[in-house]
C-alpha atoms as a PDB file:
ATOM      1  CA  MET A   1      85.958 100.991 189.520  1.00  0.00           C
ATOM      2  CA  ALA A   2      89.335  99.834 189.819  1.00  0.00           C
ATOM      3  CA  ILE A   3      92.160  99.535 187.177  1.00  0.00           C
ATOM      4  CA  VAL A   4      95.192  97.466 187.969  1.00  0.00           C
ATOM      5  CA  ALA A   5      98.489  97.553 186.181  1.00  0.00           C
ATOM      6  CA  SER A   6     100.839  94.649 186.869  1.00  0.00           C
ATOM      7  CA  ASN A   7     104.223  93.466 185.839  1.00  0.00           C
ATOM      8  CA  CYS A   8     104.419  89.698 185.258  1.00  0.00           C
ATOM      9  CA  TYR A   9     108.019  89.596 184.097  1.00  0.00           C
ATOM     10  CA  SER A  10     111.113  88.881 186.153  1.00  0.00           C
ATOM     11  CA  ASN A  11     113.663  90.914 183.879  1.00  0.00           C
ATOM     12  CA  VAL A  12     111.568  94.027 182.772  1.00  0.00           C
ATOM     13  CA  THR A  13     110.745  97.315 184.629  1.00  0.00           C
ATOM     14  CA  PHE A  14     107.843  99.315 183.293  1.00  0.00           C
ATOM     15  CA  ARG A  15     108.810 103.071 183.898  1.00  0.00           C
ATOM     16  CA  SER A  16     106.305 105.884 184.306  1.00  0.00           C
ATOM     17  CA  LEU A  17     103.458 103.919 183.239  1.00  0.00           C
ATOM     18  CA  THR A  18     100.491 106.253 182.512  1.00  0.00           C
ATOM     19  CA  ALA A  19      97.024 105.179 181.323  1.00  0.00           C
ATOM     20  CA  VAL A  20      94.227 107.455 179.897  1.00  0.00           C
ATOM     21  CA  VAL A  21      90.659 106.364 180.233  1.00  0.00           C
ATOM     22  CA  SER A  22      87.903 107.694 177.759  1.00  0.00           C
ATOM     23  CA  ALA A  23      84.328 106.610 177.044  1.00  0.00           C
ATOM     24  CA  LEU A  24      83.438 105.750 173.537  1.00  0.00           C
ATOM     25  CA  LEU A  25      80.185 104.965 171.902  1.00  0.00           C
ATOM     26  CA  LYS A  26      79.469 101.428 171.021  1.00  0.00           C
ATOM     27  CA  ASP A  27      80.741 102.208 167.343  1.00  0.00           C
ATOM     28  CA  GLY A  28      83.950 103.466 168.639  1.00  0.00           C
ATOM     29  CA  THR A  29      83.371 107.299 168.183  1.00  0.00           C
ATOM     30  CA  PRO A  30      83.907 109.531 171.265  1.00  0.00           C
ATOM     31  CA  MET A  31      80.946 110.382 173.532  1.00  0.00           C
ATOM     32  CA  PRO A  32      79.305 113.611 172.321  1.00  0.00           C
ATOM     33  CA  ASN A  33      78.918 116.494 174.986  1.00  0.00           C
ATOM     34  CA  LEU A  34      75.570 117.368 176.176  1.00  0.00           C
ATOM     35  CA  ALA A  35      73.536 120.167 175.010  1.00  0.00           C
ATOM     36  CA  ASP A  36      74.867 122.479 177.620  1.00  0.00           C
ATOM     37  CA  GLY A  37      78.436 121.649 176.745  1.00  0.00           C
ATOM     38  CA  LYS A  38      79.227 119.286 179.578  1.00  0.00           C
ATOM     39  CA  PRO A  39      80.739 115.933 178.946  1.00  0.00           C
ATOM     40  CA  ALA A  40      78.065 113.008 179.020  1.00  0.00           C
ATOM     41  CA  ILE A  41      80.672 110.945 180.999  1.00  0.00           C
ATOM     42  CA  THR A  42      83.071 112.131 183.575  1.00  0.00           C
ATOM     43  CA  ILE A  43      85.926 110.111 184.890  1.00  0.00           C
ATOM     44  CA  LYS A  44      87.268 111.155 188.373  1.00  0.00           C
ATOM     45  CA  PRO A  45      89.590 112.043 189.889  1.00  0.00           C
ATOM     46  CA  SER A  46      90.961 112.328 186.289  1.00  0.00           C
ATOM     47  CA  PRO A  47      91.039 110.355 183.059  1.00  0.00           C
ATOM     48  CA  GLU A  48      94.747 110.479 183.068  1.00  0.00           C
ATOM     49  CA  ILE A  49      96.016 107.804 185.680  1.00  0.00           C
ATOM     50  CA  ALA A  50      99.738 107.488 186.922  1.00  0.00           C
ATOM     51  CA  PHE A  51     100.882 104.241 188.078  1.00  0.00           C
ATOM     52  CA  GLY A  52     104.608 105.086 188.311  1.00  0.00           C
ATOM     53  CA  ASP A  53     107.289 102.462 187.962  1.00  0.00           C
ATOM     54  CA  LEU A  54     106.237  98.678 187.890  1.00  0.00           C
ATOM     55  CA  LEU A  55     109.137  96.571 189.206  1.00  0.00           C
ATOM     56  CA  PRO A  56     109.960  93.126 188.053  1.00  0.00           C
ATOM     57  CA  ILE A  57     108.315  90.074 189.789  1.00  0.00           C
ATOM     58  CA  GLY A  58     110.500  89.144 192.859  1.00  0.00           C
ATOM     59  CA  SER A  59     111.956  92.650 193.262  1.00  0.00           C
ATOM     60  CA  ASP A  60     112.789  93.509 196.835  1.00  0.00           C
ATOM     61  CA  ASN A  61     112.440  97.239 196.528  1.00  0.00           C
ATOM     62  CA  SER A  62     109.763  98.517 198.781  1.00  0.00           C
ATOM     63  CA  GLU A  63     109.415 101.723 196.833  1.00  0.00           C
ATOM     64  CA  SER A  64     107.124  99.924 194.067  1.00  0.00           C
ATOM     65  CA  THR A  65     105.610  96.455 193.424  1.00  0.00           C
ATOM     66  CA  GLY A  66     104.845  94.575 190.443  1.00  0.00           C
ATOM     67  CA  GLU A  67     101.083  95.462 190.860  1.00  0.00           C
ATOM     68  CA  VAL A  68      99.532  98.866 191.550  1.00  0.00           C
ATOM     69  CA  LEU A  69      95.718  99.540 191.840  1.00  0.00           C
ATOM     70  CA  ARG A  70      93.945 102.664 191.132  1.00  0.00           C
ATOM     71  CA  GLU A  71      90.353 103.446 191.762  1.00  0.00           C
ATOM     72  CA  ILE A  72      88.244 105.807 189.311  1.00  0.00           C
ATOM     73  CA  VAL A  73      84.728 106.773 189.406  1.00  0.00           C
ATOM     74  CA  ILE A  74      82.610 106.929 186.058  1.00  0.00           C
ATOM     75  CA  GLU A  75      79.919 109.455 186.367  1.00  0.00           C
ATOM     76  CA  ASN A  76      77.001 109.510 183.808  1.00  0.00           C
ATOM     77  CA  ASN A  77      75.878 112.976 183.405  1.00  0.00           C
ATOM     78  CA  SER A  78      73.162 112.183 180.738  1.00  0.00           C
ATOM     79  CA  PRO A  79      69.657 111.567 181.427  1.00  0.00           C
ATOM     80  CA  ASN A  80      69.610 109.254 178.344  1.00  0.00           C
ATOM     81  CA  SER A  81      70.843 105.859 178.477  1.00  0.00           C
ATOM     82  CA  ALA A  82      73.421 104.606 175.902  1.00  0.00           C
ATOM     83  CA  ASP A  83      75.793 101.704 175.238  1.00  0.00           C
ATOM     84  CA  TYR A  84      79.322 102.807 175.587  1.00  0.00           C
ATOM     85  CA  THR A  85      82.758 101.124 176.037  1.00  0.00           C
ATOM     86  CA  LEU A  86      85.939 102.429 177.932  1.00  0.00           C
ATOM     87  CA  LYS A  87      89.053 102.763 176.074  1.00  0.00           C
ATOM     88  CA  ILE A  88      92.356 102.648 178.032  1.00  0.00           C
ATOM     89  CA  ALA A  89      95.382 103.999 176.026  1.00  0.00           C
ATOM     90  CA  TYR A  90      98.806 103.643 177.880  1.00  0.00           C
ATOM     91  CA  SER A  91     102.379 104.551 177.675  1.00  0.00           C
ATOM     92  CA  TYR A  92     105.559 103.593 179.418  1.00  0.00           C
ATOM     93  CA  ARG A  93     109.371 103.116 179.082  1.00  0.00           C
ATOM     94  CA  ALA A  94     110.542  99.281 179.244  1.00  0.00           C
ATOM     95  CA  GLU A  95     113.794  98.726 180.917  1.00  0.00           C
ATOM     96  CA  PHE A  96     115.285  95.132 180.347  1.00  0.00           C
ATOM     97  CA  ASP A  97     117.887  93.641 182.860  1.00  0.00           C
ATOM     98  CA  PHE A  98     120.213  91.120 181.222  1.00  0.00           C
ATOM     99  CA  GLN A  99     122.938  89.016 182.464  1.00  0.00           C
ATOM    100  CA  GLY A 100     125.252  87.149 180.362  1.00  0.00           C
ATOM    101  CA  GLY A 101     128.774  85.816 179.804  1.00  0.00           C
ATOM    102  CA  ASP A 102     131.062  84.436 177.113  1.00  0.00           C
ATOM    103  CA  GLU A 103     133.821  81.824 177.056  1.00  0.00           C
ATOM    104  CA  PHE A 104     136.713  81.681 174.466  1.00  0.00           C
ATOM    105  CA  ALA A 105     139.645  79.300 174.075  1.00  0.00           C
ATOM    106  CA  LEU A 106     143.073  80.718 174.941  1.00  0.00           C
ATOM    107  CA  GLY A 107     146.147  78.714 173.911  1.00  0.00           C
ATOM    108  CA  ILE A 108     149.044  79.130 176.390  1.00  0.00           C
END
């Protein structure tokens, strides 16, 4: 599975974007572990995904782009089937770029 983070704004940078993916039962409760203590669903390589900085659209900086794709594997360890959903929690810092100006009358 692939998760894509993108920035559709021309004046906002999303800094240190991180997502955490978790599996929930259909009713929204966390997936219980198996009888041996192993998780029923494993997300690899890690449930915490770092996307870094997402620069504004049209940015010429080659260090990062406005879209980042990360691949994950969802491994079902349970012999039983169940309906579940994926929850994606995320955090970032937003940095806004503004340009402005003012005019005022000056009597000479």
